[in-house]
Amino acid sequence: MHSRPDGWLDVDTDRDRWTTRALINATGTWTRPFWPHYPGRSSFRGRQLHTADYRGPGEFAGQRVVVVGGGTSAVQLLGEVSTVAAATTWVTRRPPVFRDEEFGPELGRAAVARVDEAVRAGRPPGSVVGVTGLPVTPEVRRLRERGVLDRLPMFDRITPDGIAWSDGRSVPADVILWCTGFRAALDHLAPLGLRAPGGGITMDGTRVVADPRLHLVGYGPSASTIGANRAGRAAVNEIRALLAPAAALD
């Protein structure tokens, strides 16, 4: 994607080149699973997969599985895998925060506001679960009773046969399941130089502050179902306003 001297955008695809005065980018995050680096990861003799590769618990039957991550997906997949695996181990960077109160509109608005604050300042959007916490559902209570949610701190390295900590502890594993989230799929926008010094893209709602021709739906507050409801409509309305002066001259 490139900006032209006349103010239009050239958008190159695998099929053709398109020229436009405005663009809604809705590439989301699913195509960019995040794999954190840990020493020894390439030496592991078992299987490693990400949430995006998960197809069901059956393939983990009889295996020792390490689930990495403190979000909702990690808890859900841990619960499923634990019903068939020989053993499961749950590790997270920070102690998970469980919320007993019902997730209502007020908490949802607070989560969206926190993410919105970050992107307005040009910082990378944080995790919504970092604001909302993990809801204590009946399933979570059952997992607690079974001891499945006995979380361990993040390991320091991966060994050929499992994971290990610097204090000498180790856990054998056949599988490491990385429930470590996703990053925004925005590499194709790199030629436009949109990144702020803080590492994110400075936003005003869905509009890119550095380039009002661009709207990102699926980035920041609109990356979750909580904030996505009105994002598309807002982007369209702003693009209409942007194009209105040009349309009046036609």
C-alpha atoms as a PDB file:
ATOM      1  CA  MET A   1       0.000   0.000   0.000  1.00  0.00           C
ATOM      2  CA  HIS A   2       1.351   3.415  -0.975  1.00  0.00           C
ATOM      3  CA  SER A   3       0.225   7.027  -0.804  1.00  0.00           C
ATOM      4  CA  ARG A   4       0.151   8.872  -4.124  1.00  0.00           C
ATOM      5  CA  PRO A   5       1.135  12.536  -4.681  1.00  0.00           C
ATOM      6  CA  ASP A   6      -2.492  13.342  -5.571  1.00  0.00           C
ATOM      7  CA  GLY A   7      -3.666  12.182  -2.126  1.00  0.00           C
ATOM      8  CA  TRP A   8      -5.116   8.860  -3.242  1.00  0.00           C
ATOM      9  CA  LEU A   9      -3.974   5.447  -2.023  1.00  0.00           C
ATOM     10  CA  ASP A  10      -2.667   2.613  -4.170  1.00  0.00           C
ATOM     11  CA  VAL A  11      -3.708  -0.739  -2.680  1.00  0.00           C
ATOM     12  CA  ASP A  12      -1.900  -3.760  -4.119  1.00  0.00           C
ATOM     13  CA  THR A  13      -3.539  -7.170  -3.680  1.00  0.00           C
ATOM     14  CA  ASP A  14      -2.822 -10.665  -4.947  1.00  0.00           C
ATOM     15  CA  ARG A  15      -5.364 -10.035  -7.709  1.00  0.00           C
ATOM     16  CA  ASP A  16      -5.075  -6.416  -8.749  1.00  0.00           C
ATOM     17  CA  ARG A  17      -4.190  -2.840  -7.800  1.00  0.00           C
ATOM     18  CA  TRP A  18      -6.925  -0.563  -6.483  1.00  0.00           C
ATOM     19  CA  THR A  19      -6.913   3.204  -6.118  1.00  0.00           C
ATOM     20  CA  THR A  20      -9.026   4.793  -3.410  1.00  0.00           C
ATOM     21  CA  ARG A  21      -9.527   8.002  -1.460  1.00  0.00           C
ATOM     22  CA  ALA A  22     -10.358   6.163   1.767  1.00  0.00           C
ATOM     23  CA  LEU A  23      -9.880   2.712   3.240  1.00  0.00           C
ATOM     24  CA  ILE A  24     -11.384   0.638   6.047  1.00  0.00           C
ATOM     25  CA  ASN A  25      -8.836  -1.932   7.209  1.00  0.00           C
ATOM     26  CA  ALA A  26     -10.532  -4.907   8.901  1.00  0.00           C
ATOM     27  CA  THR A  27      -7.750  -7.496   8.957  1.00  0.00           C
ATOM     28  CA  GLY A  28      -8.075  -8.086  12.703  1.00  0.00           C
ATOM     29  CA  THR A  29      -5.599 -10.327  14.521  1.00  0.00           C
ATOM     30  CA  TRP A  30      -6.362 -13.985  13.750  1.00  0.00           C
ATOM     31  CA  THR A  31      -3.660 -14.299  11.071  1.00  0.00           C
ATOM     32  CA  ARG A  32      -0.939 -13.151  13.513  1.00  0.00           C
ATOM     33  CA  PRO A  33      -0.763 -15.543  16.468  1.00  0.00           C
ATOM     34  CA  PHE A  34       1.835 -14.419  18.981  1.00  0.00           C
ATOM     35  CA  TRP A  35       4.574 -16.900  19.896  1.00  0.00           C
ATOM     36  CA  PRO A  36       6.762 -15.535  22.714  1.00  0.00           C
ATOM     37  CA  HIS A  37      10.420 -16.446  22.693  1.00  0.00           C
ATOM     38  CA  TYR A  38      11.804 -18.559  25.511  1.00  0.00           C
ATOM     39  CA  PRO A  39      15.267 -20.138  25.697  1.00  0.00           C
ATOM     40  CA  GLY A  40      15.299 -23.695  24.425  1.00  0.00           C
ATOM     41  CA  ARG A  41      12.041 -23.518  22.484  1.00  0.00           C
ATOM     42  CA  SER A  42      13.632 -24.952  19.345  1.00  0.00           C
ATOM     43  CA  SER A  43      15.078 -27.880  21.332  1.00  0.00           C
ATOM     44  CA  PHE A  44      11.702 -29.221  22.492  1.00  0.00           C
ATOM     45  CA  ARG A  45      11.130 -32.719  21.125  1.00  0.00           C
ATOM     46  CA  GLY A  46       7.379 -32.677  21.610  1.00  0.00           C
ATOM     47  CA  ARG A  47       4.674 -30.761  19.794  1.00  0.00           C
ATOM     48  CA  GLN A  48       4.064 -27.011  20.061  1.00  0.00           C
ATOM     49  CA  LEU A  49       0.888 -25.360  18.835  1.00  0.00           C
ATOM     50  CA  HIS A  50      -0.993 -22.105  19.254  1.00  0.00           C
ATOM     51  CA  THR A  51      -4.624 -21.405  20.067  1.00  0.00           C
ATOM     52  CA  ALA A  52      -5.116 -20.765  16.341  1.00  0.00           C
ATOM     53  CA  ASP A  53      -4.099 -24.388  15.610  1.00  0.00           C
ATOM     54  CA  TYR A  54      -6.392 -25.979  18.201  1.00  0.00           C
ATOM     55  CA  ARG A  55      -8.990 -28.355  16.758  1.00  0.00           C
ATOM     56  CA  GLY A  56     -10.304 -30.096  19.851  1.00  0.00           C
ATOM     57  CA  PRO A  57      -9.143 -32.060  22.904  1.00  0.00           C
ATOM     58  CA  GLY A  58      -9.093 -35.504  21.297  1.00  0.00           C
ATOM     59  CA  GLU A  59      -5.584 -35.168  19.889  1.00  0.00           C
ATOM     60  CA  PHE A  60      -4.160 -34.697  23.404  1.00  0.00           C
ATOM     61  CA  ALA A  61      -5.444 -37.969  24.837  1.00  0.00           C
ATOM     62  CA  GLY A  62      -2.924 -39.581  27.178  1.00  0.00           C
ATOM     63  CA  GLN A  63      -0.374 -36.782  26.773  1.00  0.00           C
ATOM     64  CA  ARG A  64       1.262 -34.396  29.242  1.00  0.00           C
ATOM     65  CA  VAL A  65       0.214 -30.901  28.208  1.00  0.00           C
ATOM     66  CA  VAL A  66       1.537 -27.510  29.290  1.00  0.00           C
ATOM     67  CA  VAL A  67      -0.916 -24.661  28.660  1.00  0.00           C
ATOM     68  CA  VAL A  68       0.679 -21.206  28.527  1.00  0.00           C
ATOM     69  CA  GLY A  69      -1.406 -18.053  28.981  1.00  0.00           C
ATOM     70  CA  GLY A  70      -3.679 -16.273  31.414  1.00  0.00           C
ATOM     71  CA  GLY A  71      -6.658 -15.384  29.227  1.00  0.00           C
ATOM     72  CA  THR A  72     -10.100 -16.809  28.654  1.00  0.00           C
ATOM     73  CA  SER A  73      -8.924 -19.043  25.814  1.00  0.00           C
ATOM     74  CA  ALA A  74      -6.259 -20.602  28.010  1.00  0.00           C
ATOM     75  CA  VAL A  75      -8.786 -21.465  30.705  1.00  0.00           C
ATOM     76  CA  GLN A  76     -11.275 -22.842  28.196  1.00  0.00           C
ATOM     77  CA  LEU A  77      -8.743 -25.016  26.373  1.00  0.00           C
ATOM     78  CA  LEU A  78      -7.150 -26.134  29.620  1.00  0.00           C
ATOM     79  CA  GLY A  79     -10.545 -27.313  30.804  1.00  0.00           C
ATOM     80  CA  GLU A  80     -11.182 -29.274  27.614  1.00  0.00           C
ATOM     81  CA  VAL A  81      -7.727 -30.825  27.368  1.00  0.00           C
ATOM     82  CA  SER A  82      -7.679 -31.811  31.041  1.00  0.00           C
ATOM     83  CA  THR A  83     -10.550 -34.246  30.460  1.00  0.00           C
ATOM     84  CA  VAL A  84      -8.416 -36.461  28.197  1.00  0.00           C
ATOM     85  CA  ALA A  85      -4.757 -35.636  28.935  1.00  0.00           C
ATOM     86  CA  ALA A  86      -2.535 -37.699  31.210  1.00  0.00           C
ATOM     87  CA  ALA A  87      -1.583 -34.467  32.999  1.00  0.00           C
ATOM     88  CA  THR A  88      -1.944 -30.722  32.491  1.00  0.00           C
ATOM     89  CA  THR A  89       0.181 -27.845  33.763  1.00  0.00           C
ATOM     90  CA  TRP A  90      -0.992 -24.238  33.605  1.00  0.00           C
ATOM     91  CA  VAL A  91       1.609 -21.444  33.552  1.00  0.00           C
ATOM     92  CA  THR A  92       1.069 -17.684  33.326  1.00  0.00           C
ATOM     93  CA  ARG A  93       3.281 -14.605  33.507  1.00  0.00           C
ATOM     94  CA  ARG A  94       1.086 -12.961  36.139  1.00  0.00           C
ATOM     95  CA  PRO A  95      -1.337 -14.445  38.647  1.00  0.00           C
ATOM     96  CA  PRO A  96      -4.745 -14.616  36.923  1.00  0.00           C
ATOM     97  CA  VAL A  97      -7.442 -12.330  38.299  1.00  0.00           C
ATOM     98  CA  PHE A  98     -10.822 -14.032  38.647  1.00  0.00           C
ATOM     99  CA  ARG A  99     -13.980 -11.940  39.011  1.00  0.00           C
ATOM    100  CA  ASP A 100     -16.958 -13.325  40.865  1.00  0.00           C
ATOM    101  CA  GLU A 101     -19.284 -10.493  39.872  1.00  0.00           C
ATOM    102  CA  GLU A 102     -21.310 -10.738  36.686  1.00  0.00           C
ATOM    103  CA  PHE A 103     -19.797  -9.144  33.604  1.00  0.00           C
ATOM    104  CA  GLY A 104     -22.183  -6.284  32.874  1.00  0.00           C
ATOM    105  CA  PRO A 105     -22.294  -3.159  30.702  1.00  0.00           C
ATOM    106  CA  GLU A 106     -20.351  -1.054  33.204  1.00  0.00           C
ATOM    107  CA  LEU A 107     -17.386  -3.419  33.247  1.00  0.00           C
ATOM    108  CA  GLY A 108     -17.559  -3.712  29.464  1.00  0.00           C
ATOM    109  CA  ARG A 109     -17.418   0.050  29.043  1.00  0.00           C
ATOM    110  CA  ALA A 110     -14.464   0.251  31.426  1.00  0.00           C
ATOM    111  CA  ALA A 111     -12.559  -2.342  29.406  1.00  0.00           C
ATOM    112  CA  VAL A 112     -13.170  -0.530  26.129  1.00  0.00           C
ATOM    113  CA  ALA A 113     -12.204   2.797  27.699  1.00  0.00           C
ATOM    114  CA  ARG A 114      -8.853   1.434  28.896  1.00  0.00           C
ATOM    115  CA  VAL A 115      -7.956   0.096  25.468  1.00  0.00           C
ATOM    116  CA  ASP A 116      -9.190   3.299  23.815  1.00  0.00           C
ATOM    117  CA  GLU A 117      -6.999   5.359  26.142  1.00  0.00           C
ATOM    118  CA  ALA A 118      -3.942   3.366  25.065  1.00  0.00           C
ATOM    119  CA  VAL A 119      -4.470   3.735  21.313  1.00  0.00           C
ATOM    120  CA  ARG A 120      -5.307   7.439  21.589  1.00  0.00           C
ATOM    121  CA  ALA A 121      -1.878   7.855  23.178  1.00  0.00           C
ATOM    122  CA  GLY A 122      -0.161   5.842  20.439  1.00  0.00           C
ATOM    123  CA  ARG A 123       0.530   2.827  22.633  1.00  0.00           C
ATOM    124  CA  PRO A 124      -0.152  -0.756  21.541  1.00  0.00           C
ATOM    125  CA  PRO A 125      -3.629  -1.865  22.608  1.00  0.00           C
ATOM    126  CA  GLY A 126      -3.583  -4.020  25.702  1.00  0.00           C
ATOM    127  CA  SER A 127      -5.573  -7.130  26.423  1.00  0.00           C
ATOM    128  CA  VAL A 128      -9.238  -6.654  27.272  1.00  0.00           C
ATOM    129  CA  VAL A 129      -9.006  -9.510  29.788  1.00  0.00           C
ATOM    130  CA  GLY A 130      -6.367  -7.452  31.603  1.00  0.00           C
ATOM    131  CA  VAL A 131      -9.205  -5.068  32.481  1.00  0.00           C
ATOM    132  CA  THR A 132     -12.151  -7.423  32.795  1.00  0.00           C
ATOM    133  CA  GLY A 133     -10.413 -10.326  34.525  1.00  0.00           C
ATOM    134  CA  LEU A 134     -11.601 -13.917  34.179  1.00  0.00           C
ATOM    135  CA  PRO A 135     -15.271 -14.538  35.018  1.00  0.00           C
ATOM    136  CA  VAL A 136     -15.946 -17.257  37.558  1.00  0.00           C
ATOM    137  CA  THR A 137     -18.394 -19.429  35.647  1.00  0.00           C
ATOM    138  CA  PRO A 138     -19.800 -22.783  36.792  1.00  0.00           C
ATOM    139  CA  GLU A 139     -17.181 -24.449  34.585  1.00  0.00           C
ATOM    140  CA  VAL A 140     -14.379 -22.486  36.261  1.00  0.00           C
ATOM    141  CA  ARG A 141     -15.672 -23.627  39.658  1.00  0.00           C
ATOM    142  CA  ARG A 142     -15.589 -27.243  38.494  1.00  0.00           C
ATOM    143  CA  LEU A 143     -12.034 -26.829  37.212  1.00  0.00           C
ATOM    144  CA  ARG A 144     -10.995 -25.372  40.555  1.00  0.00           C
ATOM    145  CA  GLU A 145     -12.490 -28.330  42.387  1.00  0.00           C
ATOM    146  CA  ARG A 146     -10.569 -30.707  40.141  1.00  0.00           C
ATOM    147  CA  GLY A 147      -7.311 -28.800  40.767  1.00  0.00           C
ATOM    148  CA  VAL A 148      -6.917 -27.963  37.071  1.00  0.00           C
ATOM    149  CA  LEU A 149      -6.487 -24.231  37.812  1.00  0.00           C
ATOM    150  CA  ASP A 150      -3.533 -24.666  40.171  1.00  0.00           C
ATOM    151  CA  ARG A 151      -1.430 -22.183  38.225  1.00  0.00           C
ATOM    152  CA  LEU A 152       2.378 -22.053  38.165  1.00  0.00           C
ATOM    153  CA  PRO A 153       4.532 -19.002  37.371  1.00  0.00           C
ATOM    154  CA  MET A 154       6.051 -18.747  33.926  1.00  0.00           C
ATOM    155  CA  PHE A 155       8.935 -21.132  33.343  1.00  0.00           C
ATOM    156  CA  ASP A 156      12.432 -19.828  32.581  1.00  0.00           C
ATOM    157  CA  ARG A 157      13.366 -22.174  29.775  1.00  0.00           C
ATOM    158  CA  ILE A 158      12.160 -25.052  27.641  1.00  0.00           C
ATOM    159  CA  THR A 159      14.060 -28.320  27.685  1.00  0.00           C
ATOM    160  CA  PRO A 160      13.956 -31.130  25.119  1.00  0.00           C
ATOM    161  CA  ASP A 161      11.509 -32.995  27.372  1.00  0.00           C
ATOM    162  CA  GLY A 162       9.503 -30.245  29.051  1.00  0.00           C
ATOM    163  CA  ILE A 163       9.834 -26.953  30.911  1.00  0.00           C
ATOM    164  CA  ALA A 164      12.098 -25.800  33.739  1.00  0.00           C
ATOM    165  CA  TRP A 165      12.543 -22.987  36.242  1.00  0.00           C
ATOM    166  CA  SER A 166      15.768 -21.428  37.482  1.00  0.00           C
ATOM    167  CA  ASP A 167      15.127 -22.771  40.991  1.00  0.00           C
ATOM    168  CA  GLY A 168      15.579 -26.328  39.747  1.00  0.00           C
ATOM    169  CA  ARG A 169      11.926 -27.294  39.285  1.00  0.00           C
ATOM    170  CA  SER A 170      10.918 -28.993  36.052  1.00  0.00           C
ATOM    171  CA  VAL A 171       7.813 -30.508  34.470  1.00  0.00           C
ATOM    172  CA  PRO A 172       7.914 -33.153  31.719  1.00  0.00           C
ATOM    173  CA  ALA A 173       5.704 -32.467  28.705  1.00  0.00           C
ATOM    174  CA  ASP A 174       4.667 -33.958  25.398  1.00  0.00           C
ATOM    175  CA  VAL A 175       2.842 -30.820  24.203  1.00  0.00           C
ATOM    176  CA  ILE A 176       3.119 -27.065  24.803  1.00  0.00           C
ATOM    177  CA  LEU A 177      -0.078 -25.219  23.930  1.00  0.00           C
ATOM    178  CA  TRP A 178       0.601 -21.492  23.560  1.00  0.00           C
ATOM    179  CA  CYS A 179      -2.574 -19.536  24.430  1.00  0.00           C
ATOM    180  CA  THR A 180      -0.631 -16.298  24.169  1.00  0.00           C
ATOM    181  CA  GLY A 181      -2.939 -14.177  22.088  1.00  0.00           C
ATOM    182  CA  PHE A 182      -2.586 -12.393  18.792  1.00  0.00           C
ATOM    183  CA  ARG A 183      -1.139  -9.195  17.375  1.00  0.00           C
ATOM    184  CA  ALA A 184      -2.798  -6.838  14.901  1.00  0.00           C
ATOM    185  CA  ALA A 185      -2.257  -7.877  11.268  1.00  0.00           C
ATOM    186  CA  LEU A 186      -1.068  -4.492  10.002  1.00  0.00           C
ATOM    187  CA  ASP A 187       2.255  -5.223   8.298  1.00  0.00           C
ATOM    188  CA  HIS A 188       0.768  -4.300   4.923  1.00  0.00           C
ATOM    189  CA  LEU A 189       0.315  -0.727   6.193  1.00  0.00           C
ATOM    190  CA  ALA A 190       4.019  -0.310   7.033  1.00  0.00           C
ATOM    191  CA  PRO A 191       4.820   1.787   3.901  1.00  0.00           C
ATOM    192  CA  LEU A 192       2.519   4.503   5.242  1.00  0.00           C
ATOM    193  CA  GLY A 193       4.627   5.006   8.390  1.00  0.00           C
ATOM    194  CA  LEU A 194       1.744   5.047  10.834  1.00  0.00           C
ATOM    195  CA  ARG A 195       3.519   3.786  13.955  1.00  0.00           C
ATOM    196  CA  ALA A 196       3.839   6.252  16.824  1.00  0.00           C
ATOM    197  CA  PRO A 197       6.955   6.458  19.065  1.00  0.00           C
ATOM    198  CA  GLY A 198       5.049   4.391  21.637  1.00  0.00           C
ATOM    199  CA  GLY A 199       4.915   1.448  19.244  1.00  0.00           C
ATOM    200  CA  GLY A 200       1.215   1.599  18.411  1.00  0.00           C
ATOM    201  CA  ILE A 201      -0.878   3.550  15.951  1.00  0.00           C
ATOM    202  CA  THR A 202      -2.441   6.719  17.354  1.00  0.00           C
ATOM    203  CA  MET A 203      -6.200   6.488  16.924  1.00  0.00           C
ATOM    204  CA  ASP A 204      -9.259   8.685  17.285  1.00  0.00           C
ATOM    205  CA  GLY A 205     -12.081   6.173  17.415  1.00  0.00           C
ATOM    206  CA  THR A 206     -11.521   4.045  14.314  1.00  0.00           C
ATOM    207  CA  ARG A 207      -9.651   6.812  12.453  1.00  0.00           C
ATOM    208  CA  VAL A 208      -5.856   6.865  12.170  1.00  0.00           C
ATOM    209  CA  VAL A 209      -4.761  10.283  13.427  1.00  0.00           C
ATOM    210  CA  ALA A 210      -1.703  10.382  11.152  1.00  0.00           C
ATOM    211  CA  ASP A 211      -3.801   9.612   8.057  1.00  0.00           C
ATOM    212  CA  PRO A 212      -7.553  10.380   8.162  1.00  0.00           C
ATOM    213  CA  ARG A 213      -8.075   8.359   4.976  1.00  0.00           C
ATOM    214  CA  LEU A 214      -7.569   5.194   7.025  1.00  0.00           C
ATOM    215  CA  HIS A 215      -9.888   3.546   9.530  1.00  0.00           C
ATOM    216  CA  LEU A 216      -8.923   0.448  11.484  1.00  0.00           C
ATOM    217  CA  VAL A 217     -11.818  -1.811  12.440  1.00  0.00           C
ATOM    218  CA  GLY A 218     -10.500  -4.687  14.525  1.00  0.00           C
ATOM    219  CA  TYR A 219      -7.723  -2.680  16.181  1.00  0.00           C
ATOM    220  CA  GLY A 220      -7.842  -1.270  19.694  1.00  0.00           C
ATOM    221  CA  PRO A 221     -11.352  -1.030  21.197  1.00  0.00           C
ATOM    222  CA  SER A 222     -12.966  -2.546  18.092  1.00  0.00           C
ATOM    223  CA  ALA A 223     -10.806  -5.693  18.312  1.00  0.00           C
ATOM    224  CA  SER A 224     -13.226  -7.234  20.802  1.00  0.00           C
ATOM    225  CA  THR A 225     -16.920  -7.957  20.541  1.00  0.00           C
ATOM    226  CA  ILE A 226     -17.441  -5.445  23.338  1.00  0.00           C
ATOM    227  CA  GLY A 227     -16.237  -2.497  21.252  1.00  0.00           C
ATOM    228  CA  ALA A 228     -16.993  -3.680  17.731  1.00  0.00           C
ATOM    229  CA  ASN A 229     -20.740  -3.077  17.652  1.00  0.00           C
ATOM    230  CA  ARG A 230     -20.595   0.535  16.510  1.00  0.00           C
ATOM    231  CA  ALA A 231     -17.092   0.608  15.003  1.00  0.00           C
ATOM    232  CA  GLY A 232     -18.095  -0.166  11.417  1.00  0.00           C
ATOM    233  CA  ARG A 233     -20.883   2.405  11.390  1.00  0.00           C
ATOM    234  CA  ALA A 234     -18.593   5.061  12.887  1.00  0.00           C
ATOM    235  CA  ALA A 235     -15.935   4.405  10.246  1.00  0.00           C
ATOM    236  CA  VAL A 236     -18.431   4.672   7.395  1.00  0.00           C
ATOM    237  CA  ASN A 237     -19.886   7.926   8.748  1.00  0.00           C
ATOM    238  CA  GLU A 238     -16.448   9.506   9.062  1.00  0.00           C
ATOM    239  CA  ILE A 239     -15.448   8.415   5.566  1.00  0.00           C
ATOM    240  CA  ARG A 240     -18.646   9.917   4.194  1.00  0.00           C
ATOM    241  CA  ALA A 241     -17.737  13.206   5.845  1.00  0.00           C
ATOM    242  CA  LEU A 242     -14.205  12.978   4.455  1.00  0.00           C
ATOM    243  CA  LEU A 243     -15.421  12.385   0.907  1.00  0.00           C
ATOM    244  CA  ALA A 244     -18.296  14.873   1.001  1.00  0.00           C
ATOM    245  CA  PRO A 245     -16.259  17.931  -0.162  1.00  0.00           C
ATOM    246  CA  ALA A 246     -14.841  15.984  -3.101  1.00  0.00           C
ATOM    247  CA  ALA A 247     -18.276  14.669  -4.027  1.00  0.00           C
ATOM    248  CA  ALA A 248     -19.669  18.220  -4.044  1.00  0.00           C
ATOM    249  CA  LEU A 249     -17.075  19.197  -6.648  1.00  0.00           C
ATOM    250  CA  ASP A 250     -17.924  16.331  -9.004  1.00  0.00           C
END
